[in-house]
Amino acid sequence: VFDSDATNEDVYRRTAYPLVQYLFEGGKA
């Protein structure tokens, strides 16, 4: 859960960044 003071960078680190890592393992995300 991200509060109103969270930046897009904060959200990215905990949502899409793991998917980027998974992309390079040949995955679909």
PDB file of all heavy atoms in Angstrom:
ATOM      1  N   VAL A   1       0.867  -1.183   0.000  1.00  0.00           N
ATOM      2  CA  VAL A   1       0.000   0.000   0.000  1.00  0.00           C
ATOM      3  C   VAL A   1       0.900   1.228   0.000  1.00  0.00           C
ATOM      4  O   VAL A   1       1.822   1.331   0.812  1.00  0.00           O
ATOM      5  CB  VAL A   1      -0.929   0.030   1.241  1.00  0.00           C
ATOM      6  CG1 VAL A   1      -1.789   1.282   1.210  1.00  0.00           C
ATOM      7  CG2 VAL A   1      -1.820  -1.202   1.279  1.00  0.00           C
ATOM      8  N   PHE A   2       0.654   2.130  -0.948  1.00  0.00           N
ATOM      9  CA  PHE A   2       1.465   3.345  -1.055  1.00  0.00           C
ATOM     10  C   PHE A   2       0.646   4.541  -0.594  1.00  0.00           C
ATOM     11  O   PHE A   2      -0.440   4.785  -1.119  1.00  0.00           O
ATOM     12  CB  PHE A   2       1.914   3.564  -2.505  1.00  0.00           C
ATOM     13  CG  PHE A   2       2.743   2.429  -3.035  1.00  0.00           C
ATOM     14  CD1 PHE A   2       2.166   1.438  -3.816  1.00  0.00           C
ATOM     15  CD2 PHE A   2       4.095   2.338  -2.735  1.00  0.00           C
ATOM     16  CE1 PHE A   2       2.917   0.374  -4.292  1.00  0.00           C
ATOM     17  CE2 PHE A   2       4.862   1.274  -3.213  1.00  0.00           C
ATOM     18  CZ  PHE A   2       4.268   0.293  -3.992  1.00  0.00           C
ATOM     19  N   ASP A   3       1.174   5.270   0.376  1.00  0.00           N
ATOM     20  CA  ASP A   3       0.464   6.447   0.872  1.00  0.00           C
ATOM     21  C   ASP A   3       0.618   7.601  -0.117  1.00  0.00           C
ATOM     22  O   ASP A   3       1.389   7.511  -1.078  1.00  0.00           O
ATOM     23  CB  ASP A   3       1.008   6.837   2.254  1.00  0.00           C
ATOM     24  CG  ASP A   3      -0.072   7.471   3.113  1.00  0.00           C
ATOM     25  OD1 ASP A   3      -1.058   7.966   2.542  1.00  0.00           O
ATOM     26  OD2 ASP A   3       0.075   7.477   4.355  1.00  0.00           O
ATOM     27  N   SER A   4      -0.084   8.703   0.162  1.00  0.00           N
ATOM     28  CA  SER A   4      -0.124   9.802  -0.811  1.00  0.00           C
ATOM     29  C   SER A   4       1.232  10.479  -1.001  1.00  0.00           C
ATOM     30  O   SER A   4       1.433  11.211  -1.968  1.00  0.00           O
ATOM     31  CB  SER A   4      -1.165  10.837  -0.393  1.00  0.00           C
ATOM     32  OG  SER A   4      -0.941  11.201   0.953  1.00  0.00           O
ATOM     33  N   ASP A   5       2.176  10.246  -0.072  1.00  0.00           N
ATOM     34  CA  ASP A   5       3.484  10.906  -0.254  1.00  0.00           C
ATOM     35  C   ASP A   5       4.467  10.032  -1.039  1.00  0.00           C
ATOM     36  O   ASP A   5       5.605  10.430  -1.280  1.00  0.00           O
ATOM     37  CB  ASP A   5       4.087  11.280   1.112  1.00  0.00           C
ATOM     38  CG  ASP A   5       4.219  10.057   2.027  1.00  0.00           C
ATOM     39  OD1 ASP A   5       3.823   8.944   1.604  1.00  0.00           O
ATOM     40  OD2 ASP A   5       4.713  10.212   3.154  1.00  0.00           O
ATOM     41  N   ALA A   6       4.039   8.843  -1.465  1.00  0.00           N
ATOM     42  CA  ALA A   6       4.938   7.955  -2.231  1.00  0.00           C
ATOM     43  C   ALA A   6       5.159   8.538  -3.629  1.00  0.00           C
ATOM     44  O   ALA A   6       4.233   9.042  -4.256  1.00  0.00           O
ATOM     45  CB  ALA A   6       4.335   6.562  -2.333  1.00  0.00           C
ATOM     46  N   THR A   7       6.395   8.492  -4.103  1.00  0.00           N
ATOM     47  CA  THR A   7       6.683   8.976  -5.461  1.00  0.00           C
ATOM     48  C   THR A   7       6.509   7.826  -6.447  1.00  0.00           C
ATOM     49  O   THR A   7       6.413   6.663  -6.044  1.00  0.00           O
ATOM     50  CB  THR A   7       8.141   9.468  -5.556  1.00  0.00           C
ATOM     51  OG1 THR A   7       8.994   8.328  -5.282  1.00  0.00           O
ATOM     52  CG2 THR A   7       8.439  10.558  -4.547  1.00  0.00           C
ATOM     53  N   ASN A   8       6.492   8.165  -7.742  1.00  0.00           N
ATOM     54  CA  ASN A   8       6.411   7.108  -8.760  1.00  0.00           C
ATOM     55  C   ASN A   8       7.604   6.161  -8.646  1.00  0.00           C
ATOM     56  O   ASN A   8       7.490   4.972  -8.905  1.00  0.00           O
ATOM     57  CB  ASN A   8       6.349   7.718 -10.160  1.00  0.00           C
ATOM     58  CG  ASN A   8       4.917   7.995 -10.585  1.00  0.00           C
ATOM     59  OD1 ASN A   8       4.012   7.953  -9.765  1.00  0.00           O
ATOM     60  ND2 ASN A   8       4.707   8.275 -11.851  1.00  0.00           N
ATOM     61  N   GLU A   9       8.752   6.721  -8.257  1.00  0.00           N
ATOM     62  CA  GLU A   9       9.961   5.894  -8.088  1.00  0.00           C
ATOM     63  C   GLU A   9       9.742   4.844  -6.991  1.00  0.00           C
ATOM     64  O   GLU A   9      10.096   3.672  -7.156  1.00  0.00           O
ATOM     65  CB  GLU A   9      11.147   6.809  -7.737  1.00  0.00           C
ATOM     66  CG  GLU A   9      12.472   6.096  -7.580  1.00  0.00           C
ATOM     67  CD  GLU A   9      13.083   5.612  -8.884  1.00  0.00           C
ATOM     68  OE1 GLU A   9      13.177   6.375  -9.867  1.00  0.00           O
ATOM     69  OE2 GLU A   9      13.481   4.429  -8.921  1.00  0.00           O
ATOM     70  N   ASP A  10       9.121   5.260  -5.871  1.00  0.00           N
ATOM     71  CA  ASP A  10       8.820   4.314  -4.774  1.00  0.00           C
ATOM     72  C   ASP A  10       7.901   3.199  -5.282  1.00  0.00           C
ATOM     73  O   ASP A  10       8.107   2.024  -5.002  1.00  0.00           O
ATOM     74  CB  ASP A  10       8.092   5.022  -3.608  1.00  0.00           C
ATOM     75  CG  ASP A  10       8.934   6.121  -2.983  1.00  0.00           C
ATOM     76  OD1 ASP A  10      10.176   6.017  -3.063  1.00  0.00           O
ATOM     77  OD2 ASP A  10       8.355   7.080  -2.430  1.00  0.00           O
ATOM     78  N   VAL A  11       6.860   3.623  -6.008  1.00  0.00           N
ATOM     79  CA  VAL A  11       5.883   2.651  -6.510  1.00  0.00           C
ATOM     80  C   VAL A  11       6.575   1.695  -7.477  1.00  0.00           C
ATOM     81  O   VAL A  11       6.410   0.475  -7.409  1.00  0.00           O
ATOM     82  CB  VAL A  11       4.707   3.374  -7.213  1.00  0.00           C
ATOM     83  CG1 VAL A  11       3.736   2.365  -7.817  1.00  0.00           C
ATOM     84  CG2 VAL A  11       3.960   4.271  -6.222  1.00  0.00           C
ATOM     85  N   TYR A  12       7.394   2.260  -8.355  1.00  0.00           N
ATOM     86  CA  TYR A  12       8.097   1.454  -9.362  1.00  0.00           C
ATOM     87  C   TYR A  12       8.974   0.381  -8.719  1.00  0.00           C
ATOM     88  O   TYR A  12       8.946  -0.785  -9.105  1.00  0.00           O
ATOM     89  CB  TYR A  12       8.950   2.366 -10.248  1.00  0.00           C
ATOM     90  CG  TYR A  12       9.922   1.608 -11.117  1.00  0.00           C
ATOM     91  CD1 TYR A  12       9.454   0.827 -12.170  1.00  0.00           C
ATOM     92  CD2 TYR A  12      11.291   1.633 -10.873  1.00  0.00           C
ATOM     93  CE1 TYR A  12      10.329   0.091 -12.964  1.00  0.00           C
ATOM     94  CE2 TYR A  12      12.169   0.910 -11.654  1.00  0.00           C
ATOM     95  CZ  TYR A  12      11.682   0.139 -12.699  1.00  0.00           C
ATOM     96  OH  TYR A  12      12.547  -0.585 -13.467  1.00  0.00           O
ATOM     97  N   ARG A  13       9.759   0.790  -7.711  1.00  0.00           N
ATOM     98  CA  ARG A  13      10.692  -0.151  -7.064  1.00  0.00           C
ATOM     99  C   ARG A  13       9.971  -1.391  -6.564  1.00  0.00           C
ATOM    100  O   ARG A  13      10.508  -2.485  -6.596  1.00  0.00           O
ATOM    101  CB  ARG A  13      11.390   0.526  -5.863  1.00  0.00           C
ATOM    102  CG  ARG A  13      12.518   1.425  -6.246  1.00  0.00           C
ATOM    103  CD  ARG A  13      13.802   0.682  -6.547  1.00  0.00           C
ATOM    104  NE  ARG A  13      14.527   1.388  -7.611  1.00  0.00           N
ATOM    105  CZ  ARG A  13      15.095   0.818  -8.643  1.00  0.00           C
ATOM    106  NH1 ARG A  13      15.039  -0.473  -8.801  1.00  0.00           N
ATOM    107  NH2 ARG A  13      15.721   1.524  -9.568  1.00  0.00           N
ATOM    108  N   ARG A  14       8.734  -1.193  -6.062  1.00  0.00           N
ATOM    109  CA  ARG A  14       8.052  -2.311  -5.425  1.00  0.00           C
ATOM    110  C   ARG A  14       6.962  -2.934  -6.297  1.00  0.00           C
ATOM    111  O   ARG A  14       6.271  -3.839  -5.860  1.00  0.00           O
ATOM    112  CB  ARG A  14       7.491  -1.860  -4.075  1.00  0.00           C
ATOM    113  CG  ARG A  14       8.613  -1.776  -3.053  1.00  0.00           C
ATOM    114  CD  ARG A  14       8.425  -0.774  -1.952  1.00  0.00           C
ATOM    115  NE  ARG A  14       7.178  -0.899  -1.206  1.00  0.00           N
ATOM    116  CZ  ARG A  14       6.739   0.048  -0.383  1.00  0.00           C
ATOM    117  NH1 ARG A  14       7.430   1.165  -0.233  1.00  0.00           N
ATOM    118  NH2 ARG A  14       5.609  -0.111   0.270  1.00  0.00           N
ATOM    119  N   THR A  15       6.790  -2.442  -7.519  1.00  0.00           N
ATOM    120  CA  THR A  15       5.785  -3.064  -8.400  1.00  0.00           C
ATOM    121  C   THR A  15       6.414  -3.556  -9.706  1.00  0.00           C
ATOM    122  O   THR A  15       6.499  -4.753  -9.942  1.00  0.00           O
ATOM    123  CB  THR A  15       4.644  -2.086  -8.740  1.00  0.00           C
ATOM    124  OG1 THR A  15       5.203  -0.893  -9.303  1.00  0.00           O
ATOM    125  CG2 THR A  15       3.833  -1.727  -7.524  1.00  0.00           C
ATOM    126  N   ALA A  16       6.898  -2.621 -10.527  1.00  0.00           N
ATOM    127  CA  ALA A  16       7.341  -3.004 -11.873  1.00  0.00           C
ATOM    128  C   ALA A  16       8.806  -3.438 -11.941  1.00  0.00           C
ATOM    129  O   ALA A  16       9.183  -4.198 -12.826  1.00  0.00           O
ATOM    130  CB  ALA A  16       7.102  -1.847 -12.844  1.00  0.00           C
ATOM    131  N   TYR A  17       9.633  -2.985 -11.003  1.00  0.00           N
ATOM    132  CA  TYR A  17      11.057  -3.327 -11.080  1.00  0.00           C
ATOM    133  C   TYR A  17      11.310  -4.835 -11.030  1.00  0.00           C
ATOM    134  O   TYR A  17      12.063  -5.367 -11.845  1.00  0.00           O
ATOM    135  CB  TYR A  17      11.862  -2.593  -9.998  1.00  0.00           C
ATOM    136  CG  TYR A  17      13.337  -2.923 -10.037  1.00  0.00           C
ATOM    137  CD1 TYR A  17      14.100  -2.617 -11.177  1.00  0.00           C
ATOM    138  CD2 TYR A  17      13.976  -3.565  -8.983  1.00  0.00           C
ATOM    139  CE1 TYR A  17      15.451  -2.937 -11.236  1.00  0.00           C
ATOM    140  CE2 TYR A  17      15.312  -3.894  -9.038  1.00  0.00           C
ATOM    141  CZ  TYR A  17      16.043  -3.586 -10.163  1.00  0.00           C
ATOM    142  OH  TYR A  17      17.376  -3.915 -10.242  1.00  0.00           O
ATOM    143  N   PRO A  18      10.645  -5.574 -10.115  1.00  0.00           N
ATOM    144  CA  PRO A  18      10.831  -7.040 -10.131  1.00  0.00           C
ATOM    145  C   PRO A  18      10.406  -7.665 -11.464  1.00  0.00           C
ATOM    146  O   PRO A  18      10.982  -8.675 -11.891  1.00  0.00           O
ATOM    147  CB  PRO A  18       9.924  -7.534  -8.996  1.00  0.00           C
ATOM    148  CG  PRO A  18       9.719  -6.352  -8.110  1.00  0.00           C
ATOM    149  CD  PRO A  18       9.794  -5.146  -8.987  1.00  0.00           C
ATOM    150  N   LEU A  19       9.434  -7.027 -12.147  1.00  0.00           N
ATOM    151  CA  LEU A  19       8.984  -7.554 -13.437  1.00  0.00           C
ATOM    152  C   LEU A  19      10.053  -7.351 -14.513  1.00  0.00           C
ATOM    153  O   LEU A  19      10.220  -8.165 -15.408  1.00  0.00           O
ATOM    154  CB  LEU A  19       7.678  -6.885 -13.875  1.00  0.00           C
ATOM    155  CG  LEU A  19       6.477  -7.038 -12.927  1.00  0.00           C
ATOM    156  CD1 LEU A  19       5.258  -6.324 -13.495  1.00  0.00           C
ATOM    157  CD2 LEU A  19       6.144  -8.498 -12.676  1.00  0.00           C
ATOM    158  N   VAL A  20      10.783  -6.229 -14.397  1.00  0.00           N
ATOM    159  CA  VAL A  20      11.871  -5.960 -15.356  1.00  0.00           C
ATOM    160  C   VAL A  20      12.949  -7.035 -15.201  1.00  0.00           C
ATOM    161  O   VAL A  20      13.472  -7.570 -16.178  1.00  0.00           O
ATOM    162  CB  VAL A  20      12.473  -4.552 -15.128  1.00  0.00           C
ATOM    163  CG1 VAL A  20      13.749  -4.367 -15.942  1.00  0.00           C
ATOM    164  CG2 VAL A  20      11.453  -3.477 -15.497  1.00  0.00           C
ATOM    165  N   GLN A  21      13.251  -7.373 -13.950  1.00  0.00           N
ATOM    166  CA  GLN A  21      14.244  -8.429 -13.716  1.00  0.00           C
ATOM    167  C   GLN A  21      13.754  -9.755 -14.294  1.00  0.00           C
ATOM    168  O   GLN A  21      14.521 -10.511 -14.896  1.00  0.00           O
ATOM    169  CB  GLN A  21      14.504  -8.566 -12.208  1.00  0.00           C
ATOM    170  CG  GLN A  21      15.210  -7.348 -11.641  1.00  0.00           C
ATOM    171  CD  GLN A  21      15.260  -7.384 -10.129  1.00  0.00           C
ATOM    172  OE1 GLN A  21      14.234  -7.450  -9.459  1.00  0.00           O
ATOM    173  NE2 GLN A  21      16.456  -7.346  -9.572  1.00  0.00           N
ATOM    174  N   TYR A  22      12.478 -10.005 -14.122  1.00  0.00           N
ATOM    175  CA  TYR A  22      11.888 -11.255 -14.624  1.00  0.00           C
ATOM    176  C   TYR A  22      11.903 -11.294 -16.153  1.00  0.00           C
ATOM    177  O   TYR A  22      12.097 -12.355 -16.754  1.00  0.00           O
ATOM    178  CB  TYR A  22      10.455 -11.375 -14.092  1.00  0.00           C
ATOM    179  CG  TYR A  22       9.812 -12.700 -14.389  1.00  0.00           C
ATOM    180  CD1 TYR A  22      10.328 -13.887 -13.869  1.00  0.00           C
ATOM    181  CD2 TYR A  22       8.694 -12.779 -15.201  1.00  0.00           C
ATOM    182  CE1 TYR A  22       9.747 -15.111 -14.137  1.00  0.00           C
ATOM    183  CE2 TYR A  22       8.095 -14.001 -15.481  1.00  0.00           C
ATOM    184  CZ  TYR A  22       8.633 -15.158 -14.942  1.00  0.00           C
ATOM    185  OH  TYR A  22       8.063 -16.372 -15.231  1.00  0.00           O
ATOM    186  N   LEU A  23      11.734 -10.141 -16.770  1.00  0.00           N
ATOM    187  CA  LEU A  23      11.768 -10.025 -18.243  1.00  0.00           C
ATOM    188  C   LEU A  23      13.102 -10.558 -18.779  1.00  0.00           C
ATOM    189  O   LEU A  23      13.148 -11.261 -19.789  1.00  0.00           O
ATOM    190  CB  LEU A  23      11.583  -8.554 -18.621  1.00  0.00           C
ATOM    191  CG  LEU A  23      11.810  -8.120 -20.069  1.00  0.00           C
ATOM    192  CD1 LEU A  23      10.654  -8.581 -20.945  1.00  0.00           C
ATOM    193  CD2 LEU A  23      11.933  -6.604 -20.167  1.00  0.00           C
ATOM    194  N   PHE A  24      14.190 -10.239 -18.070  1.00  0.00           N
ATOM    195  CA  PHE A  24      15.514 -10.663 -18.533  1.00  0.00           C
ATOM    196  C   PHE A  24      15.797 -12.136 -18.227  1.00  0.00           C
ATOM    197  O   PHE A  24      16.793 -12.684 -18.664  1.00  0.00           O
ATOM    198  CB  PHE A  24      16.609  -9.761 -17.953  1.00  0.00           C
ATOM    199  CG  PHE A  24      16.747  -8.480 -18.729  1.00  0.00           C
ATOM    200  CD1 PHE A  24      15.985  -7.371 -18.399  1.00  0.00           C
ATOM    201  CD2 PHE A  24      17.597  -8.392 -19.820  1.00  0.00           C
ATOM    202  CE1 PHE A  24      16.083  -6.203 -19.125  1.00  0.00           C
ATOM    203  CE2 PHE A  24      17.699  -7.228 -20.560  1.00  0.00           C
ATOM    204  CZ  PHE A  24      16.944  -6.124 -20.210  1.00  0.00           C
ATOM    205  N   GLU A  25      14.894 -12.755 -17.478  1.00  0.00           N
ATOM    206  CA  GLU A  25      15.018 -14.208 -17.289  1.00  0.00           C
ATOM    207  C   GLU A  25      14.191 -14.935 -18.337  1.00  0.00           C
ATOM    208  O   GLU A  25      13.971 -16.144 -18.260  1.00  0.00           O
ATOM    209  CB  GLU A  25      14.519 -14.589 -15.883  1.00  0.00           C
ATOM    210  CG  GLU A  25      15.390 -14.068 -14.758  1.00  0.00           C
ATOM    211  CD  GLU A  25      14.664 -14.085 -13.409  1.00  0.00           C
ATOM    212  OE1 GLU A  25      13.702 -14.876 -13.258  1.00  0.00           O
ATOM    213  OE2 GLU A  25      15.059 -13.312 -12.520  1.00  0.00           O
ATOM    214  N   GLY A  26      13.674 -14.177 -19.326  1.00  0.00           N
ATOM    215  CA  GLY A  26      12.895 -14.785 -20.401  1.00  0.00           C
ATOM    216  C   GLY A  26      11.413 -14.881 -20.087  1.00  0.00           C
ATOM    217  O   GLY A  26      10.671 -15.590 -20.757  1.00  0.00           O
ATOM    218  N   GLY A  27      10.983 -14.153 -19.076  1.00  0.00           N
ATOM    219  CA  GLY A  27       9.590 -14.283 -18.647  1.00  0.00           C
ATOM    220  C   GLY A  27       8.634 -13.325 -19.340  1.00  0.00           C
ATOM    221  O   GLY A  27       9.042 -12.414 -20.059  1.00  0.00           O
ATOM    222  N   LYS A  28       7.342 -13.573 -19.112  1.00  0.00           N
ATOM    223  CA  LYS A  28       6.301 -12.664 -19.597  1.00  0.00           C
ATOM    224  C   LYS A  28       5.675 -12.016 -18.380  1.00  0.00           C
ATOM    225  O   LYS A  28       5.293 -12.702 -17.428  1.00  0.00           O
ATOM    226  CB  LYS A  28       5.235 -13.444 -20.362  1.00  0.00           C
ATOM    227  CG  LYS A  28       5.757 -13.946 -21.694  1.00  0.00           C
ATOM    228  CD  LYS A  28       4.643 -14.531 -22.527  1.00  0.00           C
ATOM    229  CE  LYS A  28       5.148 -14.829 -23.932  1.00  0.00           C
ATOM    230  NZ  LYS A  28       4.855 -16.176 -24.355  1.00  0.00           N
ATOM    231  N   ALA A  29       5.584 -10.703 -18.405  1.00  0.00           N
ATOM    232  CA  ALA A  29       5.064 -10.001 -17.228  1.00  0.00           C
ATOM    233  C   ALA A  29       4.126  -8.880 -17.648  1.00  0.00           C
ATOM    234  O   ALA A  29       4.252  -8.332 -18.744  1.00  0.00           O
ATOM    235  CB  ALA A  29       6.228  -9.444 -16.422  1.00  0.00           C
TER     236      ALA A  29
END
